[in-house]
Amino acid sequence: MDTYINTPSNNNGGDSIVAPPINDSGRTGEDEDPISGNVTGRVGEEYSTRWFTFTFNSLETGSTYSRGSANYTASSGNTLVIASITITNTSGGEQPFGTFDWFVNARSLSEPIWPIDPLNNNMMPTDFYLQDGETATYDVVIEYPSNLASPYFTYTEVDEYGGTHATFQIPIP
């Protein structure tokens, strides 16, 4: 049986993307249809997950992050990807969020590359909570090797049972 993922809310009736069935091992009788599959995202579009919606407001690369009180320069041979992300909790209750949700990935990597620790209030905290309906906008900054082929800025939705439901990727320019 094919599973259809939510496509961007502003795709003007575009085609749904067919994805392979998810691994539901360990799930215990949830009736809810999980979102699953892989989505290649674009800046400015809103995406829906099981617990929240999010928009990549911007995605840029450079050697320096300089916003608010923060000044950070990438090590020699590295690049920074700076993503501004707006998140709205749609879960029906309080939900945890944080930098642990976002990473850089590429086919050549055996492990993802995680964000740098927050340097100011503009950057996404390592850990924070949003009540249902609350919205937050933060920068996520990740340093990765400049020679990394075809990197993606990524969010992977994993449930409390360890099942992966959806991977949202946006190519890094």
C-alpha atoms as a PDB file:
ATOM      1  CA  MET A   1       0.000   0.000   0.000  1.00  0.00           C
ATOM      2  CA  ASP A   2       1.380   3.416  -0.955  1.00  0.00           C
ATOM      3  CA  THR A   3       1.514   6.199   1.587  1.00  0.00           C
ATOM      4  CA  TYR A   4       0.962   9.791   0.512  1.00  0.00           C
ATOM      5  CA  ILE A   5       2.713  12.618   2.259  1.00  0.00           C
ATOM      6  CA  ASN A   6       1.459  16.117   2.854  1.00  0.00           C
ATOM      7  CA  THR A   7       2.802  18.327   0.141  1.00  0.00           C
ATOM      8  CA  PRO A   8       3.455  22.034   0.715  1.00  0.00           C
ATOM      9  CA  SER A   9       0.325  23.971   1.575  1.00  0.00           C
ATOM     10  CA  ASN A  10       0.848  26.290  -1.364  1.00  0.00           C
ATOM     11  CA  ASN A  11       1.564  23.739  -4.066  1.00  0.00           C
ATOM     12  CA  ASN A  12      -1.562  24.821  -5.976  1.00  0.00           C
ATOM     13  CA  GLY A  13      -3.012  21.346  -6.206  1.00  0.00           C
ATOM     14  CA  GLY A  14       0.230  19.705  -7.307  1.00  0.00           C
ATOM     15  CA  ASP A  15       0.746  15.987  -7.181  1.00  0.00           C
ATOM     16  CA  SER A  16       1.161  14.139  -3.916  1.00  0.00           C
ATOM     17  CA  ILE A  17       4.433  12.318  -3.552  1.00  0.00           C
ATOM     18  CA  VAL A  18       4.229   8.552  -3.181  1.00  0.00           C
ATOM     19  CA  ALA A  19       6.521   7.235  -0.483  1.00  0.00           C
ATOM     20  CA  PRO A  20       7.388   3.763   0.740  1.00  0.00           C
ATOM     21  CA  PRO A  21       5.514   2.533   3.814  1.00  0.00           C
ATOM     22  CA  ILE A  22       7.014   3.594   7.126  1.00  0.00           C
ATOM     23  CA  ASN A  23       8.478   1.296   9.740  1.00  0.00           C
ATOM     24  CA  ASP A  24       5.812   1.131  12.433  1.00  0.00           C
ATOM     25  CA  SER A  25       7.621  -1.333  14.698  1.00  0.00           C
ATOM     26  CA  GLY A  26       6.808  -0.670  18.323  1.00  0.00           C
ATOM     27  CA  ARG A  27       3.748   1.487  17.666  1.00  0.00           C
ATOM     28  CA  THR A  28       0.816   0.766  19.938  1.00  0.00           C
ATOM     29  CA  GLY A  29      -2.586   1.220  18.369  1.00  0.00           C
ATOM     30  CA  GLU A  30      -2.480   4.818  17.227  1.00  0.00           C
ATOM     31  CA  ASP A  31      -5.304   5.515  14.771  1.00  0.00           C
ATOM     32  CA  GLU A  32      -3.638   8.569  13.355  1.00  0.00           C
ATOM     33  CA  ASP A  33      -2.315   8.369   9.792  1.00  0.00           C
ATOM     34  CA  PRO A  34       1.374   9.238   9.982  1.00  0.00           C
ATOM     35  CA  ILE A  35       2.962  11.537   7.443  1.00  0.00           C
ATOM     36  CA  SER A  36       5.721   9.684   5.640  1.00  0.00           C
ATOM     37  CA  GLY A  37       8.170   9.935   2.809  1.00  0.00           C
ATOM     38  CA  ASN A  38      10.812  12.317   1.598  1.00  0.00           C
ATOM     39  CA  VAL A  39      10.169  15.927   0.665  1.00  0.00           C
ATOM     40  CA  THR A  40      12.588  18.224  -1.119  1.00  0.00           C
ATOM     41  CA  GLY A  41      11.740  21.602   0.300  1.00  0.00           C
ATOM     42  CA  ARG A  42      11.977  25.158  -0.936  1.00  0.00           C
ATOM     43  CA  VAL A  43      12.494  28.457   0.818  1.00  0.00           C
ATOM     44  CA  GLY A  44       9.231  30.253   1.557  1.00  0.00           C
ATOM     45  CA  GLU A  45       6.932  27.215   1.555  1.00  0.00           C
ATOM     46  CA  GLU A  46       5.123  25.866   4.605  1.00  0.00           C
ATOM     47  CA  TYR A  47       5.376  22.163   5.413  1.00  0.00           C
ATOM     48  CA  SER A  48       3.277  20.077   7.794  1.00  0.00           C
ATOM     49  CA  THR A  49       4.534  17.370  10.102  1.00  0.00           C
ATOM     50  CA  ARG A  50       2.671  15.309  12.648  1.00  0.00           C
ATOM     51  CA  TRP A  51       3.221  17.877  15.404  1.00  0.00           C
ATOM     52  CA  PHE A  52       3.953  21.226  13.775  1.00  0.00           C
ATOM     53  CA  THR A  53       4.202  23.297  10.636  1.00  0.00           C
ATOM     54  CA  PHE A  54       7.399  24.988   9.576  1.00  0.00           C
ATOM     55  CA  THR A  55       8.681  27.346   6.928  1.00  0.00           C
ATOM     56  CA  PHE A  56      12.237  27.833   5.745  1.00  0.00           C
ATOM     57  CA  ASN A  57      12.177  31.648   5.680  1.00  0.00           C
ATOM     58  CA  SER A  58      15.697  31.808   4.270  1.00  0.00           C
ATOM     59  CA  LEU A  59      18.669  29.563   3.692  1.00  0.00           C
ATOM     60  CA  GLU A  60      22.077  31.055   3.001  1.00  0.00           C
ATOM     61  CA  THR A  61      25.709  30.068   3.179  1.00  0.00           C
ATOM     62  CA  GLY A  62      28.798  32.006   4.165  1.00  0.00           C
ATOM     63  CA  SER A  63      31.850  32.005   6.352  1.00  0.00           C
ATOM     64  CA  THR A  64      30.452  34.229   9.133  1.00  0.00           C
ATOM     65  CA  TYR A  65      27.303  34.373  11.243  1.00  0.00           C
ATOM     66  CA  SER A  66      26.842  37.886  12.548  1.00  0.00           C
ATOM     67  CA  ARG A  67      23.381  38.632  13.896  1.00  0.00           C
ATOM     68  CA  GLY A  68      22.447  40.336  17.114  1.00  0.00           C
ATOM     69  CA  SER A  69      25.235  39.878  19.626  1.00  0.00           C
ATOM     70  CA  ALA A  70      26.680  36.777  17.922  1.00  0.00           C
ATOM     71  CA  ASN A  71      29.778  36.690  15.768  1.00  0.00           C
ATOM     72  CA  TYR A  72      30.953  33.277  14.621  1.00  0.00           C
ATOM     73  CA  THR A  73      33.418  32.454  11.848  1.00  0.00           C
ATOM     74  CA  ALA A  74      33.700  29.012  10.271  1.00  0.00           C
ATOM     75  CA  SER A  75      37.013  27.209  10.558  1.00  0.00           C
ATOM     76  CA  SER A  76      39.273  27.207   7.512  1.00  0.00           C
ATOM     77  CA  GLY A  77      37.879  24.851   4.860  1.00  0.00           C
ATOM     78  CA  ASN A  78      34.358  24.989   6.293  1.00  0.00           C
ATOM     79  CA  THR A  79      31.138  26.788   5.365  1.00  0.00           C
ATOM     80  CA  LEU A  80      28.173  27.876   7.463  1.00  0.00           C
ATOM     81  CA  VAL A  81      24.599  27.261   6.427  1.00  0.00           C
ATOM     82  CA  ILE A  82      22.227  29.661   8.136  1.00  0.00           C
ATOM     83  CA  ALA A  83      18.545  28.778   8.044  1.00  0.00           C
ATOM     84  CA  SER A  84      15.785  30.982   9.412  1.00  0.00           C
ATOM     85  CA  ILE A  85      12.894  28.712  10.384  1.00  0.00           C
ATOM     86  CA  THR A  86       9.406  29.529  11.654  1.00  0.00           C
ATOM     87  CA  ILE A  87       7.733  26.730  13.635  1.00  0.00           C
ATOM     88  CA  THR A  88       4.080  26.599  14.733  1.00  0.00           C
ATOM     89  CA  ASN A  89       2.992  23.886  17.172  1.00  0.00           C
ATOM     90  CA  THR A  90      -0.158  22.170  15.837  1.00  0.00           C
ATOM     91  CA  SER A  91      -0.052  19.096  18.102  1.00  0.00           C
ATOM     92  CA  GLY A  92      -2.923  19.933  20.428  1.00  0.00           C
ATOM     93  CA  GLY A  93      -0.592  20.205  23.428  1.00  0.00           C
ATOM     94  CA  GLU A  94       2.847  21.328  24.553  1.00  0.00           C
ATOM     95  CA  GLN A  95       5.720  19.968  22.416  1.00  0.00           C
ATOM     96  CA  PRO A  96       9.510  19.984  22.756  1.00  0.00           C
ATOM     97  CA  PHE A  97      11.606  21.525  20.008  1.00  0.00           C
ATOM     98  CA  GLY A  98      15.266  22.360  19.592  1.00  0.00           C
ATOM     99  CA  THR A  99      18.372  22.233  17.489  1.00  0.00           C
ATOM    100  CA  PHE A 100      18.291  18.421  17.771  1.00  0.00           C
ATOM    101  CA  ASP A 101      15.622  18.449  15.021  1.00  0.00           C
ATOM    102  CA  TRP A 102      17.840  19.964  12.283  1.00  0.00           C
ATOM    103  CA  PHE A 103      21.073  18.843  10.617  1.00  0.00           C
ATOM    104  CA  VAL A 104      23.163  18.809   7.434  1.00  0.00           C
ATOM    105  CA  ASN A 105      23.308  15.559   5.539  1.00  0.00           C
ATOM    106  CA  ALA A 106      24.745  14.279   2.260  1.00  0.00           C
ATOM    107  CA  ARG A 107      25.051  10.867   0.641  1.00  0.00           C
ATOM    108  CA  SER A 108      28.773  10.784   1.418  1.00  0.00           C
ATOM    109  CA  LEU A 109      28.272  11.268   5.174  1.00  0.00           C
ATOM    110  CA  SER A 110      28.012   8.369   7.585  1.00  0.00           C
ATOM    111  CA  GLU A 111      26.742  10.689  10.359  1.00  0.00           C
ATOM    112  CA  PRO A 112      24.757  13.944  10.137  1.00  0.00           C
ATOM    113  CA  ILE A 113      26.348  17.281  11.031  1.00  0.00           C
ATOM    114  CA  TRP A 114      24.534  19.013  13.895  1.00  0.00           C
ATOM    115  CA  PRO A 115      24.037  22.757  14.578  1.00  0.00           C
ATOM    116  CA  ILE A 116      26.486  24.829  16.549  1.00  0.00           C
ATOM    117  CA  ASP A 117      25.418  25.753  20.073  1.00  0.00           C
ATOM    118  CA  PRO A 118      23.206  28.852  20.265  1.00  0.00           C
ATOM    119  CA  LEU A 119      25.196  32.071  20.623  1.00  0.00           C
ATOM    120  CA  ASN A 120      22.297  34.497  21.146  1.00  0.00           C
ATOM    121  CA  ASN A 121      18.495  34.746  21.333  1.00  0.00           C
ATOM    122  CA  ASN A 122      18.181  34.790  17.519  1.00  0.00           C
ATOM    123  CA  MET A 123      19.477  31.224  17.347  1.00  0.00           C
ATOM    124  CA  MET A 124      17.278  28.233  18.081  1.00  0.00           C
ATOM    125  CA  PRO A 125      17.778  27.015  21.650  1.00  0.00           C
ATOM    126  CA  THR A 126      19.088  23.506  22.174  1.00  0.00           C
ATOM    127  CA  ASP A 127      15.803  22.728  23.934  1.00  0.00           C
ATOM    128  CA  PHE A 128      12.532  24.664  24.200  1.00  0.00           C
ATOM    129  CA  TYR A 129       8.789  24.071  24.390  1.00  0.00           C
ATOM    130  CA  LEU A 130       5.878  25.571  22.477  1.00  0.00           C
ATOM    131  CA  GLN A 131       2.261  25.393  23.571  1.00  0.00           C
ATOM    132  CA  ASP A 132      -0.348  24.393  20.987  1.00  0.00           C
ATOM    133  CA  GLY A 133      -0.757  27.251  18.504  1.00  0.00           C
ATOM    134  CA  GLU A 134       2.446  29.038  19.572  1.00  0.00           C
ATOM    135  CA  THR A 135       4.912  30.143  16.896  1.00  0.00           C
ATOM    136  CA  ALA A 136       8.656  30.779  17.108  1.00  0.00           C
ATOM    137  CA  THR A 137      11.222  31.935  14.544  1.00  0.00           C
ATOM    138  CA  TYR A 138      14.902  31.142  14.991  1.00  0.00           C
ATOM    139  CA  ASP A 139      18.146  30.804  13.071  1.00  0.00           C
ATOM    140  CA  VAL A 140      19.838  27.420  12.905  1.00  0.00           C
ATOM    141  CA  VAL A 141      23.549  27.554  12.058  1.00  0.00           C
ATOM    142  CA  ILE A 142      25.525  24.514  10.974  1.00  0.00           C
ATOM    143  CA  GLU A 143      29.214  24.371  10.044  1.00  0.00           C
ATOM    144  CA  TYR A 144      30.133  21.774   7.443  1.00  0.00           C
ATOM    145  CA  PRO A 145      33.108  21.014   5.146  1.00  0.00           C
ATOM    146  CA  SER A 146      33.129  23.337   2.125  1.00  0.00           C
ATOM    147  CA  ASN A 147      33.928  20.423  -0.186  1.00  0.00           C
ATOM    148  CA  LEU A 148      30.881  18.375   0.892  1.00  0.00           C
ATOM    149  CA  ALA A 149      29.119  17.266  -2.298  1.00  0.00           C
ATOM    150  CA  SER A 150      25.365  17.967  -2.572  1.00  0.00           C
ATOM    151  CA  PRO A 151      24.599  18.828   1.069  1.00  0.00           C
ATOM    152  CA  TYR A 152      21.038  19.159   2.349  1.00  0.00           C
ATOM    153  CA  PHE A 153      19.623  21.024   5.312  1.00  0.00           C
ATOM    154  CA  THR A 154      17.392  18.359   6.873  1.00  0.00           C
ATOM    155  CA  TYR A 155      14.627  17.662   9.381  1.00  0.00           C
ATOM    156  CA  THR A 156      13.642  14.026  10.019  1.00  0.00           C
ATOM    157  CA  GLU A 157      10.441  13.313  11.897  1.00  0.00           C
ATOM    158  CA  VAL A 158      10.837  10.445  14.347  1.00  0.00           C
ATOM    159  CA  ASP A 159       8.083   9.393  16.742  1.00  0.00           C
ATOM    160  CA  GLU A 160       8.406   8.345  20.364  1.00  0.00           C
ATOM    161  CA  TYR A 161       8.687   4.702  19.244  1.00  0.00           C
ATOM    162  CA  GLY A 162      11.671   5.363  16.955  1.00  0.00           C
ATOM    163  CA  GLY A 163       9.670   5.148  13.718  1.00  0.00           C
ATOM    164  CA  THR A 164      10.803   7.532  10.984  1.00  0.00           C
ATOM    165  CA  HIS A 165       7.872   9.207   9.260  1.00  0.00           C
ATOM    166  CA  ALA A 166       9.176  11.958   7.039  1.00  0.00           C
ATOM    167  CA  THR A 167      12.388  13.572   5.943  1.00  0.00           C
ATOM    168  CA  PHE A 168      12.287  17.172   4.768  1.00  0.00           C
ATOM    169  CA  GLN A 169      15.392  18.300   2.902  1.00  0.00           C
ATOM    170  CA  ILE A 170      16.307  21.547   1.245  1.00  0.00           C
ATOM    171  CA  PRO A 171      19.373  21.636  -1.007  1.00  0.00           C
ATOM    172  CA  ILE A 172      22.087  23.953   0.270  1.00  0.00           C
ATOM    173  CA  PRO A 173      23.062  26.412  -2.478  1.00  0.00           C
END
